[in-house]
Amino acid sequence: MRISSRRSIVGAVRPTQEGLVAPITAEQFNVNPAACEWVNGKITPQSGACFSERLMLSDALDRIPRKTYVLATVGALPPMQAVYDRVCGNAQWRTHTVDCGHDIMIDKPVELADILLEAAG
């Protein structure tokens, strides 16, 4: 078992106020410009504890025979790219890249649905 937090893995935490972390904007996630206003109208602060609270990680993921990782390639953050690079050659993983920002469900919903349906099959 490993005990980790996002901060211990990535090393950075955005400033918090009253225990909340400011939401990441659509522009920061490279959402297509036509959808930015709509997305920004939906975002809310989140608990800062999700970055610092420690989790006990088991080997349960290793026991799942088929796994899927989807990387949004436009503005991919280093931690997300690092996970993609790590699992890309692993036979237990199916990897996909989608040419858009982080919110694939907004920019490429049909492509994402196809990937999810394939993973479920």
Foldseek 3Di string as FASTA:
>chain_A
DDKDFQCRVVVDAADDDPQWHADDACVLQQAPPVCRVVRRVPDDIDGSCNRVPIDDDDCVVVVQQAEEQEFEPVNTDVVSVVVCVVCVPPPNYDYYYDDGGPPCCRRPVVVVVVVVVVSVD
